[in-house]
Amino acid sequence: MWIARKLGFYSIVQTRENKDLFIVRARAEKDLQNLKNALPVLKNHEIKITKQADYPFRLPIPKK
């Protein structure tokens, strides 16, 4: 699913390995940082960088 907001542009996918986990992906790290700043529930989640991916910045979050 794609989400376009004033805060940024995101892709959200469910992982293949863990069906209880979503990955919020972005091409710009700032987009994920904006999302974390806007949603306090995400403040303790770490942005991961996968340089070989088309959307290198990823924020893993549990479904619940």
Protein backbone atom coordinates (compact mmCIF):
# COMPACT_ATOMS: atom_id res chain seq x y z
CA MET A 1 0.00 0.00 0.00
CA TRP A 2 1.24 3.49 -0.83
CA ILE A 3 0.53 6.51 1.35
CA ALA A 4 1.27 10.06 0.22
CA ARG A 5 1.01 12.72 2.93
CA LYS A 6 2.42 16.14 3.66
CA LEU A 7 4.86 14.35 5.98
CA GLY A 8 6.24 12.13 3.21
CA PHE A 9 5.70 9.28 0.76
CA TYR A 10 5.56 5.73 2.14
CA SER A 11 5.08 2.13 1.16
CA ILE A 12 3.73 -0.30 3.76
CA VAL A 13 4.22 -4.04 3.33
CA GLN A 14 3.83 -7.13 5.46
CA THR A 15 7.02 -9.14 5.80
CA ARG A 16 7.23 -12.63 4.34
CA GLU A 17 9.19 -13.95 7.32
CA ASN A 18 6.98 -12.58 10.08
CA LYS A 19 3.26 -12.11 9.42
CA ASP A 20 2.97 -10.02 12.61
CA LEU A 21 5.30 -7.32 11.29
CA PHE A 22 4.81 -4.45 8.85
CA ILE A 23 7.61 -2.52 7.19
CA VAL A 24 7.04 1.15 6.41
CA ARG A 25 9.45 1.99 3.58
CA ALA A 26 10.60 5.31 2.15
CA ARG A 27 13.17 6.61 -0.30
CA ALA A 28 14.03 9.51 2.00
CA GLU A 29 14.99 9.02 5.65
CA LYS A 30 13.42 12.38 6.47
CA ASP A 31 9.99 11.01 5.49
CA LEU A 32 10.23 8.25 8.12
CA GLN A 33 11.62 10.68 10.69
CA ASN A 34 8.64 12.98 10.06
CA LEU A 35 6.29 10.03 10.59
CA LYS A 36 8.01 9.09 13.86
CA ASN A 37 7.77 12.70 15.08
CA ALA A 38 4.06 12.86 14.22
CA LEU A 39 3.16 9.52 15.85
CA PRO A 40 4.57 9.19 19.38
CA VAL A 41 3.80 5.45 19.38
CA LEU A 42 6.64 5.04 16.83
CA LYS A 43 9.28 7.03 18.73
CA ASN A 44 11.13 3.94 20.03
CA HIS A 45 11.20 2.18 16.66
CA GLU A 46 14.52 2.35 14.82
CA ILE A 47 14.87 3.31 11.16
CA LYS A 48 16.93 0.66 9.34
CA ILE A 49 18.94 1.33 6.19
CA THR A 50 19.15 -1.23 3.38
CA LYS A 51 21.32 0.41 0.72
CA GLN A 52 20.74 -2.23 -1.96
CA ALA A 53 16.93 -1.77 -1.85
CA ASP A 54 14.87 0.60 -3.99
CA TYR A 55 13.33 2.00 -0.79
CA PRO A 56 16.40 1.95 1.48
CA PHE A 57 14.87 3.43 4.63
CA ARG A 58 12.68 1.05 6.61
CA LEU A 59 10.75 1.23 9.84
CA PRO A 60 9.68 -2.18 11.15
CA ILE A 61 6.53 -2.01 13.29
CA PRO A 62 4.37 -4.74 14.86
CA LYS A 63 0.85 -5.11 13.46
CA LYS A 64 -0.77 -4.42 16.79
